[in-house]
Amino acid sequence: MALARALAVEPQILLLDEPFGALDAQVRKELRRWLRQLHEELKFTSVFVTHDQEEAMEVADRVVVMSQGNIEQVDEPEQLWREPATRFVLEFMGEVNRLQGNIRGGQFHVGAHRWPLGYTPGYQGPVDLFLRPWEVDVSRRTSLDSPLAGTGAGSQPERSLYPTGGAAAGLVQRTADGSDA
């Protein structure tokens, strides 16, 4: 009802702060679709505050991801998903698995296992490899010869590796204390 009242005055901009927070999942989903359709029909600008990634991805044309009051990334939903700018954004965008390893030459090493990267990054040393659960195939075969296909992202390719065709895997430089560099 509050949303209908707010829209009745035909605002140019509308602030929605966790508008669906107290609703059950099915009602939230239906209201997101309705709000998106209404937004396209009436052509108003809205700022939609939410902690629900699915909600943000479905409703927004552009998403601002913040951490501790700082902006981590501003982008279109699909771009956030495919190329997260920081480790925080990558983890915020959904479930992720982490492998700790090292880059030596053109290979990613985890214990006694190694995978060719397909290129030699400028950074050599400890890294965390992030993979979405559906990007991992479990097999009885022990072959580790398939390269982790990838290209450098951004101006510092030694900091992040985003596999070609992968949704959001990345290598992020890890410092001695385990934090991001």
N, C-alpha and C. Protein backbone atom coordinates (compact mmCIF):
# COMPACT_ATOMS: atom_id res chain seq x y z
N MET A 1 0.82 -1.18 0.00
CA MET A 1 0.00 0.00 0.00
C MET A 1 0.87 1.26 0.00
N ALA A 2 1.94 1.25 0.79
CA ALA A 2 2.83 2.42 0.87
C ALA A 2 3.45 2.70 -0.50
N LEU A 3 3.77 1.65 -1.23
CA LEU A 3 4.36 1.82 -2.56
C LEU A 3 3.36 2.46 -3.51
N ALA A 4 2.11 2.03 -3.45
CA ALA A 4 1.06 2.62 -4.30
C ALA A 4 0.89 4.10 -3.99
N ARG A 5 0.91 4.46 -2.70
CA ARG A 5 0.79 5.87 -2.31
C ARG A 5 1.97 6.68 -2.83
N ALA A 6 3.16 6.13 -2.73
CA ALA A 6 4.36 6.83 -3.20
C ALA A 6 4.32 7.05 -4.71
N LEU A 7 3.80 6.09 -5.45
CA LEU A 7 3.73 6.20 -6.91
C LEU A 7 2.59 7.10 -7.37
N ALA A 8 1.59 7.32 -6.53
CA ALA A 8 0.42 8.13 -6.90
C ALA A 8 0.81 9.57 -7.24
N VAL A 9 1.86 10.08 -6.65
CA VAL A 9 2.29 11.47 -6.91
C VAL A 9 3.22 11.56 -8.12
N GLU A 10 3.42 10.44 -8.81
CA GLU A 10 4.27 10.36 -10.01
C GLU A 10 5.65 10.98 -9.77
N PRO A 11 6.41 10.39 -8.86
CA PRO A 11 7.73 10.94 -8.53
C PRO A 11 8.72 10.73 -9.68
N GLN A 12 9.72 11.61 -9.76
CA GLN A 12 10.79 11.42 -10.73
C GLN A 12 11.81 10.42 -10.20
N ILE A 13 11.95 10.38 -8.88
CA ILE A 13 12.86 9.43 -8.24
C ILE A 13 12.18 8.87 -7.00
N LEU A 14 12.40 7.59 -6.76
CA LEU A 14 11.74 6.91 -5.65
C LEU A 14 12.79 6.12 -4.87
N LEU A 15 12.85 6.32 -3.55
CA LEU A 15 13.76 5.58 -2.69
C LEU A 15 12.98 4.43 -2.05
N LEU A 16 13.47 3.22 -2.26
CA LEU A 16 12.84 2.02 -1.69
C LEU A 16 13.89 1.35 -0.80
N ASP A 17 13.72 1.44 0.50
CA ASP A 17 14.67 0.88 1.46
C ASP A 17 14.13 -0.42 2.02
N GLU A 18 14.65 -1.54 1.52
CA GLU A 18 14.21 -2.88 1.92
C GLU A 18 12.68 -3.00 1.88
N PRO A 19 12.05 -2.66 0.73
CA PRO A 19 10.59 -2.63 0.69
C PRO A 19 9.91 -3.98 0.84
N PHE A 20 10.62 -5.06 0.53
CA PHE A 20 9.99 -6.38 0.58
C PHE A 20 10.52 -7.23 1.74
N GLY A 21 11.24 -6.61 2.65
CA GLY A 21 11.90 -7.32 3.74
C GLY A 21 11.01 -8.19 4.59
N ALA A 22 9.79 -7.77 4.87
CA ALA A 22 8.91 -8.51 5.78
C ALA A 22 7.98 -9.49 5.07
N LEU A 23 8.18 -9.69 3.77
CA LEU A 23 7.27 -10.53 2.99
C LEU A 23 7.86 -11.92 2.76
N ASP A 24 6.99 -12.90 2.53
CA ASP A 24 7.49 -14.24 2.25
C ASP A 24 8.07 -14.31 0.84
N ALA A 25 8.84 -15.35 0.56
CA ALA A 25 9.62 -15.46 -0.67
C ALA A 25 8.77 -15.37 -1.94
N GLN A 26 7.63 -16.04 -1.99
CA GLN A 26 6.80 -16.03 -3.19
C GLN A 26 6.22 -14.65 -3.47
N VAL A 27 5.75 -13.98 -2.43
CA VAL A 27 5.19 -12.63 -2.59
C VAL A 27 6.29 -11.67 -3.03
N ARG A 28 7.49 -11.82 -2.46
CA ARG A 28 8.63 -10.97 -2.84
C ARG A 28 8.91 -11.11 -4.34
N LYS A 29 8.92 -12.35 -4.80
CA LYS A 29 9.22 -12.62 -6.21
C LYS A 29 8.18 -11.97 -7.13
N GLU A 30 6.92 -12.12 -6.78
CA GLU A 30 5.84 -11.53 -7.59
C GLU A 30 5.93 -10.00 -7.59
N LEU A 31 6.21 -9.41 -6.43
CA LEU A 31 6.32 -7.95 -6.34
C LEU A 31 7.54 -7.42 -7.10
N ARG A 32 8.62 -8.19 -7.12
CA ARG A 32 9.80 -7.77 -7.91
C ARG A 32 9.45 -7.67 -9.38
N ARG A 33 8.76 -8.69 -9.89
CA ARG A 33 8.35 -8.67 -11.30
C ARG A 33 7.42 -7.49 -11.58
N TRP A 34 6.47 -7.27 -10.68
CA TRP A 34 5.52 -6.17 -10.83
C TRP A 34 6.25 -4.83 -10.80
N LEU A 35 7.17 -4.64 -9.87
CA LEU A 35 7.91 -3.39 -9.75
C LEU A 35 8.76 -3.15 -11.00
N ARG A 36 9.40 -4.20 -11.49
CA ARG A 36 10.23 -4.07 -12.69
C ARG A 36 9.37 -3.64 -13.89
N GLN A 37 8.22 -4.25 -14.05
CA GLN A 37 7.30 -3.91 -15.14
C GLN A 37 6.80 -2.48 -14.99
N LEU A 38 6.41 -2.12 -13.79
CA LEU A 38 5.93 -0.76 -13.51
C LEU A 38 7.03 0.27 -13.78
N HIS A 39 8.22 -0.05 -13.40
CA HIS A 39 9.37 0.83 -13.61
C HIS A 39 9.57 1.09 -15.11
N GLU A 40 9.45 0.06 -15.91
CA GLU A 40 9.63 0.20 -17.36
C GLU A 40 8.48 0.98 -17.99
N GLU A 41 7.27 0.80 -17.48
CA GLU A 41 6.10 1.50 -18.03
C GLU A 41 6.09 2.99 -17.67
N LEU A 42 6.36 3.30 -16.40
CA LEU A 42 6.27 4.68 -15.93
C LEU A 42 7.56 5.48 -16.08
N LYS A 43 8.66 4.80 -16.34
CA LYS A 43 9.96 5.45 -16.61
C LYS A 43 10.44 6.35 -15.46
N PHE A 44 10.29 5.91 -14.23
CA PHE A 44 10.82 6.69 -13.12
C PHE A 44 12.15 6.07 -12.66
N THR A 45 12.96 6.86 -11.99
CA THR A 45 14.22 6.39 -11.44
C THR A 45 13.97 5.94 -10.01
N SER A 46 14.55 4.82 -9.64
CA SER A 46 14.40 4.38 -8.25
C SER A 46 15.75 3.93 -7.70
N VAL A 47 15.90 4.15 -6.42
CA VAL A 47 17.05 3.64 -5.67
C VAL A 47 16.47 2.56 -4.76
N PHE A 48 16.92 1.33 -4.98
CA PHE A 48 16.35 0.17 -4.30
C PHE A 48 17.43 -0.40 -3.38
N VAL A 49 17.26 -0.23 -2.08
CA VAL A 49 18.23 -0.73 -1.10
C VAL A 49 17.81 -2.13 -0.68
N THR A 50 18.74 -3.09 -0.81
CA THR A 50 18.45 -4.46 -0.41
C THR A 50 19.75 -5.18 -0.06
N HIS A 51 19.62 -6.21 0.76
CA HIS A 51 20.75 -7.09 1.07
C HIS A 51 20.57 -8.43 0.37
N ASP A 52 19.54 -8.54 -0.45
CA ASP A 52 19.19 -9.77 -1.16
C ASP A 52 19.75 -9.69 -2.58
N GLN A 53 20.77 -10.50 -2.87
CA GLN A 53 21.42 -10.46 -4.18
C GLN A 53 20.44 -10.77 -5.31
N GLU A 54 19.59 -11.78 -5.12
CA GLU A 54 18.63 -12.15 -6.16
C GLU A 54 17.69 -10.98 -6.46
N GLU A 55 17.26 -10.31 -5.41
CA GLU A 55 16.39 -9.15 -5.56
C GLU A 55 17.08 -8.05 -6.37
N ALA A 56 18.31 -7.75 -6.02
CA ALA A 56 19.07 -6.71 -6.72
C ALA A 56 19.27 -7.06 -8.19
N MET A 57 19.61 -8.31 -8.45
CA MET A 57 19.88 -8.74 -9.83
C MET A 57 18.62 -8.68 -10.69
N GLU A 58 17.48 -8.98 -10.10
CA GLU A 58 16.23 -9.01 -10.86
C GLU A 58 15.64 -7.63 -11.10
N VAL A 59 15.77 -6.74 -10.13
CA VAL A 59 15.10 -5.44 -10.20
C VAL A 59 15.96 -4.37 -10.88
N ALA A 60 17.26 -4.43 -10.74
CA ALA A 60 18.12 -3.30 -11.11
C ALA A 60 18.64 -3.31 -12.54
N ASP A 61 18.84 -2.11 -13.08
CA ASP A 61 19.59 -1.92 -14.32
C ASP A 61 21.08 -1.80 -13.99
N ARG A 62 21.36 -1.17 -12.84
CA ARG A 62 22.72 -1.02 -12.33
C ARG A 62 22.69 -1.33 -10.85
N VAL A 63 23.74 -1.98 -10.37
CA VAL A 63 23.83 -2.38 -8.97
C VAL A 63 25.07 -1.76 -8.36
N VAL A 64 24.92 -1.24 -7.15
CA VAL A 64 26.06 -0.74 -6.37
C VAL A 64 26.28 -1.74 -5.24
N VAL A 65 27.45 -2.36 -5.19
CA VAL A 65 27.79 -3.27 -4.11
C VAL A 65 28.69 -2.52 -3.14
N MET A 66 28.25 -2.48 -1.88
CA MET A 66 28.99 -1.75 -0.85
C MET A 66 29.44 -2.70 0.25
N SER A 67 30.58 -2.36 0.85
CA SER A 67 31.10 -3.10 2.00
C SER A 67 31.65 -2.09 3.00
N GLN A 68 31.16 -2.14 4.20
CA GLN A 68 31.62 -1.26 5.27
C GLN A 68 31.62 0.21 4.86
N GLY A 69 30.57 0.62 4.14
CA GLY A 69 30.41 2.01 3.73
C GLY A 69 31.19 2.41 2.49
N ASN A 70 31.94 1.48 1.91
CA ASN A 70 32.72 1.77 0.69
C ASN A 70 32.11 1.08 -0.51
N ILE A 71 32.13 1.76 -1.65
CA ILE A 71 31.62 1.17 -2.89
C ILE A 71 32.68 0.23 -3.44
N GLU A 72 32.31 -1.02 -3.63
CA GLU A 72 33.20 -2.03 -4.18
C GLU A 72 33.10 -2.09 -5.71
N GLN A 73 31.87 -1.95 -6.24
CA GLN A 73 31.67 -2.01 -7.68
C GLN A 73 30.30 -1.45 -8.03
N VAL A 74 30.22 -0.75 -9.15
CA VAL A 74 28.96 -0.26 -9.72
C VAL A 74 28.92 -0.82 -11.13
N ASP A 75 27.89 -1.60 -11.44
CA ASP A 75 27.84 -2.22 -12.76
C ASP A 75 26.45 -2.76 -13.05
N GLU A 76 26.28 -3.23 -14.28
CA GLU A 76 25.06 -3.93 -14.65
C GLU A 76 25.08 -5.29 -13.96
N PRO A 77 23.92 -5.84 -13.62
CA PRO A 77 23.88 -7.11 -12.91
C PRO A 77 24.69 -8.22 -13.58
N GLU A 78 24.55 -8.38 -14.87
CA GLU A 78 25.28 -9.44 -15.58
C GLU A 78 26.79 -9.25 -15.48
N GLN A 79 27.24 -8.01 -15.56
CA GLN A 79 28.67 -7.71 -15.47
C GLN A 79 29.20 -8.01 -14.06
N LEU A 80 28.43 -7.68 -13.04
CA LEU A 80 28.83 -8.01 -11.66
C LEU A 80 29.05 -9.50 -11.52
N TRP A 81 28.16 -10.26 -12.11
CA TRP A 81 28.22 -11.71 -12.01
C TRP A 81 29.42 -12.27 -12.77
N ARG A 82 29.63 -11.78 -14.00
CA ARG A 82 30.70 -12.32 -14.85
C ARG A 82 32.08 -11.82 -14.45
N GLU A 83 32.20 -10.56 -14.04
CA GLU A 83 33.51 -9.98 -13.75
C GLU A 83 33.49 -9.16 -12.46
N PRO A 84 33.39 -9.84 -11.33
CA PRO A 84 33.42 -9.10 -10.06
C PRO A 84 34.76 -8.40 -9.90
N ALA A 85 34.72 -7.14 -9.47
CA ALA A 85 35.93 -6.32 -9.38
C ALA A 85 36.80 -6.67 -8.18
N THR A 86 36.19 -7.21 -7.13
CA THR A 86 36.95 -7.52 -5.92
C THR A 86 36.52 -8.87 -5.37
N ARG A 87 37.33 -9.36 -4.46
CA ARG A 87 37.01 -10.63 -3.80
C ARG A 87 35.69 -10.51 -3.05
N PHE A 88 35.44 -9.38 -2.41
CA PHE A 88 34.18 -9.18 -1.69
C PHE A 88 32.99 -9.33 -2.62
N VAL A 89 33.05 -8.69 -3.80
CA VAL A 89 31.94 -8.77 -4.76
C VAL A 89 31.74 -10.21 -5.21
N LEU A 90 32.84 -10.90 -5.50
CA LEU A 90 32.76 -12.29 -5.94
C LEU A 90 32.04 -13.13 -4.89
N GLU A 91 32.41 -12.99 -3.62
CA GLU A 91 31.79 -13.78 -2.56
C GLU A 91 30.37 -13.31 -2.26
N PHE A 92 30.11 -12.02 -2.38
CA PHE A 92 28.78 -11.47 -2.14
C PHE A 92 27.77 -11.96 -3.17
N MET A 93 28.23 -12.17 -4.39
CA MET A 93 27.32 -12.55 -5.48
C MET A 93 26.87 -14.00 -5.40
N GLY A 94 27.31 -14.75 -4.43
CA GLY A 94 26.79 -16.10 -4.29
C GLY A 94 27.84 -17.09 -3.83
N GLU A 95 27.39 -18.31 -3.70
CA GLU A 95 28.22 -19.39 -3.19
C GLU A 95 29.49 -19.56 -4.03
N VAL A 96 30.61 -19.75 -3.35
CA VAL A 96 31.88 -19.88 -4.05
C VAL A 96 32.79 -20.82 -3.25
N ASN A 97 33.57 -21.62 -3.96
CA ASN A 97 34.55 -22.51 -3.34
C ASN A 97 35.93 -21.91 -3.52
N ARG A 98 36.80 -22.10 -2.52
CA ARG A 98 38.13 -21.52 -2.58
C ARG A 98 39.19 -22.60 -2.48
N LEU A 99 40.17 -22.55 -3.38
CA LEU A 99 41.35 -23.40 -3.31
C LEU A 99 42.55 -22.50 -3.07
N GLN A 100 43.31 -22.78 -2.03
CA GLN A 100 44.54 -22.02 -1.80
C GLN A 100 45.67 -22.72 -2.54
N GLY A 101 46.46 -21.95 -3.26
CA GLY A 101 47.56 -22.53 -4.01
C GLY A 101 48.61 -21.49 -4.32
N ASN A 102 49.43 -21.81 -5.30
CA ASN A 102 50.51 -20.92 -5.72
C ASN A 102 50.58 -20.87 -7.23
N ILE A 103 50.97 -19.71 -7.75
CA ILE A 103 51.26 -19.57 -9.17
C ILE A 103 52.76 -19.70 -9.32
N ARG A 104 53.19 -20.64 -10.13
CA ARG A 104 54.61 -20.81 -10.46
C ARG A 104 54.69 -21.00 -11.97
N GLY A 105 55.36 -20.05 -12.61
CA GLY A 105 55.42 -20.10 -14.07
C GLY A 105 54.02 -19.94 -14.61
N GLY A 106 53.63 -20.81 -15.50
CA GLY A 106 52.29 -20.76 -16.07
C GLY A 106 51.38 -21.80 -15.48
N GLN A 107 51.63 -22.17 -14.20
CA GLN A 107 50.83 -23.23 -13.59
C GLN A 107 50.29 -22.80 -12.23
N PHE A 108 49.10 -23.35 -11.90
CA PHE A 108 48.49 -23.17 -10.59
C PHE A 108 48.74 -24.45 -9.81
N HIS A 109 49.41 -24.35 -8.65
CA HIS A 109 49.80 -25.50 -7.84
C HIS A 109 48.95 -25.57 -6.57
N VAL A 110 48.41 -26.77 -6.29
CA VAL A 110 47.73 -27.06 -5.02
C VAL A 110 48.33 -28.37 -4.53
N GLY A 111 49.10 -28.30 -3.46
CA GLY A 111 49.78 -29.50 -2.97
C GLY A 111 50.64 -30.10 -4.08
N ALA A 112 50.48 -31.40 -4.33
CA ALA A 112 51.26 -32.08 -5.37
C ALA A 112 50.62 -31.94 -6.75
N HIS A 113 49.46 -31.33 -6.84
CA HIS A 113 48.75 -31.20 -8.11
C HIS A 113 49.02 -29.85 -8.75
N ARG A 114 48.96 -29.83 -10.07
CA ARG A 114 49.14 -28.55 -10.78
C ARG A 114 48.31 -28.55 -12.05
N TRP A 115 47.86 -27.36 -12.42
CA TRP A 115 47.09 -27.17 -13.63
C TRP A 115 47.75 -26.10 -14.46
N PRO A 116 47.88 -26.32 -15.77
CA PRO A 116 48.40 -25.25 -16.64
C PRO A 116 47.37 -24.14 -16.75
N LEU A 117 47.84 -22.90 -16.77
CA LEU A 117 46.94 -21.75 -16.87
C LEU A 117 46.68 -21.34 -18.30
N GLY A 118 47.55 -21.69 -19.22
CA GLY A 118 47.39 -21.25 -20.60
C GLY A 118 48.11 -19.93 -20.86
N TYR A 119 48.70 -19.34 -19.84
CA TYR A 119 49.52 -18.13 -19.97
C TYR A 119 50.33 -18.00 -18.67
N THR A 120 51.31 -17.12 -18.67
CA THR A 120 52.12 -16.90 -17.48
C THR A 120 51.79 -15.54 -16.89
N PRO A 121 51.12 -15.51 -15.73
CA PRO A 121 50.77 -14.22 -15.12
C PRO A 121 52.02 -13.48 -14.64
N GLY A 122 51.92 -12.17 -14.54
CA GLY A 122 53.02 -11.36 -14.02
C GLY A 122 53.26 -11.63 -12.55
N TYR A 123 52.19 -11.96 -11.81
CA TYR A 123 52.31 -12.25 -10.38
C TYR A 123 52.65 -13.71 -10.20
N GLN A 124 53.61 -14.01 -9.35
CA GLN A 124 53.97 -15.38 -8.99
C GLN A 124 53.91 -15.48 -7.47
N GLY A 125 53.28 -16.51 -6.94
CA GLY A 125 53.20 -16.67 -5.50
C GLY A 125 51.85 -17.17 -5.05
N PRO A 126 51.55 -17.01 -3.74
CA PRO A 126 50.31 -17.55 -3.18
C PRO A 126 49.07 -16.84 -3.71
N VAL A 127 48.06 -17.62 -4.04
CA VAL A 127 46.79 -17.09 -4.55
C VAL A 127 45.64 -17.94 -4.02
N ASP A 128 44.45 -17.41 -4.13
CA ASP A 128 43.23 -18.16 -3.87
C ASP A 128 42.50 -18.30 -5.19
N LEU A 129 42.10 -19.51 -5.55
CA LEU A 129 41.32 -19.76 -6.75
C LEU A 129 39.87 -19.92 -6.31
N PHE A 130 38.98 -19.13 -6.90
CA PHE A 130 37.56 -19.19 -6.56
C PHE A 130 36.78 -19.80 -7.71
N LEU A 131 35.93 -20.77 -7.37
CA LEU A 131 35.10 -21.45 -8.36
C LEU A 131 33.67 -21.54 -7.84
N ARG A 132 32.72 -21.30 -8.73
CA ARG A 132 31.32 -21.53 -8.38
C ARG A 132 31.11 -23.05 -8.37
N PRO A 133 30.22 -23.56 -7.52
CA PRO A 133 30.02 -25.01 -7.42
C PRO A 133 29.74 -25.68 -8.76
N TRP A 134 28.97 -25.05 -9.63
CA TRP A 134 28.63 -25.66 -10.92
C TRP A 134 29.77 -25.59 -11.93
N GLU A 135 30.86 -24.93 -11.59
CA GLU A 135 32.02 -24.88 -12.48
C GLU A 135 32.99 -26.03 -12.21
N VAL A 136 32.67 -26.89 -11.24
CA VAL A 136 33.55 -27.98 -10.86
C VAL A 136 32.90 -29.30 -11.26
N ASP A 137 33.64 -30.12 -11.98
CA ASP A 137 33.19 -31.47 -12.31
C ASP A 137 34.04 -32.45 -11.51
N VAL A 138 33.41 -33.31 -10.74
CA VAL A 138 34.12 -34.31 -9.98
C VAL A 138 34.22 -35.56 -10.84
N SER A 139 35.44 -36.09 -10.97
CA SER A 139 35.67 -37.23 -11.85
C SER A 139 36.64 -38.20 -11.18
N ARG A 140 36.54 -39.47 -11.56
CA ARG A 140 37.49 -40.47 -11.06
C ARG A 140 38.82 -40.38 -11.81
N ARG A 141 38.78 -39.77 -12.99
CA ARG A 141 40.02 -39.63 -13.76
C ARG A 141 40.98 -38.73 -12.99
N THR A 142 42.27 -39.02 -13.07
CA THR A 142 43.25 -38.24 -12.32
C THR A 142 43.99 -37.24 -13.20
N SER A 143 43.58 -37.10 -14.45
CA SER A 143 44.26 -36.18 -15.35
C SER A 143 44.02 -34.74 -14.93
N LEU A 144 45.09 -34.01 -14.80
CA LEU A 144 45.02 -32.59 -14.46
C LEU A 144 45.62 -31.77 -15.59
N ASP A 145 45.57 -32.31 -16.80
CA ASP A 145 46.22 -31.66 -17.93
C ASP A 145 45.40 -30.55 -18.56
N SER A 146 44.11 -30.47 -18.28
CA SER A 146 43.28 -29.44 -18.89
C SER A 146 43.66 -28.08 -18.32
N PRO A 147 43.93 -27.12 -19.19
CA PRO A 147 44.30 -25.81 -18.67
C PRO A 147 43.12 -25.10 -18.03
N LEU A 148 43.42 -24.26 -17.05
CA LEU A 148 42.42 -23.35 -16.48
C LEU A 148 42.37 -22.19 -17.45
N ALA A 149 41.54 -22.31 -18.47
CA ALA A 149 41.49 -21.29 -19.52
C ALA A 149 41.17 -19.95 -18.91
N GLY A 150 41.91 -18.93 -19.29
CA GLY A 150 41.63 -17.64 -18.69
C GLY A 150 42.31 -16.50 -19.39
N THR A 151 41.86 -15.34 -19.07
CA THR A 151 42.47 -14.12 -19.58
C THR A 151 42.61 -13.18 -18.41
N GLY A 152 43.58 -12.31 -18.48
CA GLY A 152 43.73 -11.31 -17.42
C GLY A 152 42.58 -10.34 -17.47
N ALA A 153 42.15 -9.86 -16.34
CA ALA A 153 41.04 -8.90 -16.28
C ALA A 153 41.55 -7.57 -15.78
N GLY A 154 41.09 -6.50 -16.40
CA GLY A 154 41.43 -5.17 -15.93
C GLY A 154 42.87 -4.80 -16.20
N SER A 155 43.34 -3.79 -15.50
CA SER A 155 44.69 -3.29 -15.74
C SER A 155 45.74 -4.07 -14.97
N GLN A 156 45.33 -5.00 -14.10
CA GLN A 156 46.28 -5.77 -13.33
C GLN A 156 45.99 -7.26 -13.50
N PRO A 157 46.31 -7.83 -14.68
CA PRO A 157 45.96 -9.23 -14.91
C PRO A 157 46.62 -10.18 -13.93
N GLU A 158 47.73 -9.76 -13.30
CA GLU A 158 48.36 -10.64 -12.32
C GLU A 158 47.54 -10.77 -11.04
N ARG A 159 46.56 -9.92 -10.85
CA ARG A 159 45.75 -9.94 -9.64
C ARG A 159 44.50 -10.81 -9.78
N SER A 160 43.93 -10.90 -10.96
CA SER A 160 42.67 -11.63 -11.13
C SER A 160 42.68 -12.41 -12.42
N LEU A 161 42.17 -13.62 -12.36
CA LEU A 161 42.04 -14.46 -13.55
C LEU A 161 40.58 -14.81 -13.67
N TYR A 162 39.96 -14.47 -14.78
CA TYR A 162 38.56 -14.82 -15.02
C TYR A 162 38.52 -15.78 -16.19
N PRO A 163 38.26 -17.08 -15.93
CA PRO A 163 38.27 -18.06 -17.00
C PRO A 163 37.29 -17.73 -18.12
N THR A 164 37.73 -17.97 -19.33
CA THR A 164 36.85 -17.77 -20.48
C THR A 164 35.71 -18.76 -20.36
N GLY A 165 34.49 -18.26 -20.42
CA GLY A 165 33.33 -19.14 -20.31
C GLY A 165 32.94 -19.45 -18.87
N GLY A 166 33.75 -19.04 -17.89
CA GLY A 166 33.41 -19.27 -16.49
C GLY A 166 32.61 -18.09 -15.96
N ALA A 167 31.70 -18.35 -15.06
CA ALA A 167 30.83 -17.28 -14.56
C ALA A 167 31.58 -16.29 -13.69
N ALA A 168 32.29 -16.76 -12.68
CA ALA A 168 32.93 -15.79 -11.79
C ALA A 168 34.04 -16.42 -10.98
N ALA A 169 34.92 -17.12 -11.63
CA ALA A 169 36.06 -17.66 -10.90
C ALA A 169 37.17 -16.64 -10.95
N GLY A 170 38.03 -16.65 -9.98
CA GLY A 170 39.09 -15.66 -10.02
C GLY A 170 40.26 -16.04 -9.16
N LEU A 171 41.41 -15.58 -9.54
CA LEU A 171 42.59 -15.70 -8.71
C LEU A 171 42.84 -14.34 -8.10
N VAL A 172 42.95 -14.30 -6.80
CA VAL A 172 43.18 -13.04 -6.12
C VAL A 172 44.46 -13.18 -5.30
N GLN A 173 45.36 -12.24 -5.45
CA GLN A 173 46.62 -12.29 -4.72
C GLN A 173 46.33 -12.34 -3.22
N ARG A 174 47.02 -13.22 -2.53
CA ARG A 174 46.86 -13.37 -1.08
C ARG A 174 48.16 -12.95 -0.41
N THR A 175 48.07 -12.18 0.66
CA THR A 175 49.26 -11.75 1.38
C THR A 175 49.61 -12.78 2.44
N ALA A 176 50.74 -12.61 3.10
CA ALA A 176 51.21 -13.56 4.10
C ALA A 176 50.20 -13.75 5.23
N ASP A 177 49.44 -12.70 5.59
CA ASP A 177 48.47 -12.82 6.67
C ASP A 177 47.11 -13.35 6.20
N GLY A 178 47.00 -13.69 4.90
CA GLY A 178 45.77 -14.27 4.37
C GLY A 178 44.78 -13.27 3.83
N SER A 179 45.08 -11.98 3.94
CA SER A 179 44.16 -10.97 3.41
C SER A 179 44.46 -10.70 1.95
N ASP A 180 43.53 -9.98 1.29
CA ASP A 180 43.75 -9.60 -0.11
C ASP A 180 44.79 -8.51 -0.17
N ALA A 181 45.62 -8.56 -1.20
CA ALA A 181 46.61 -7.50 -1.40
C ALA A 181 45.98 -6.34 -2.12
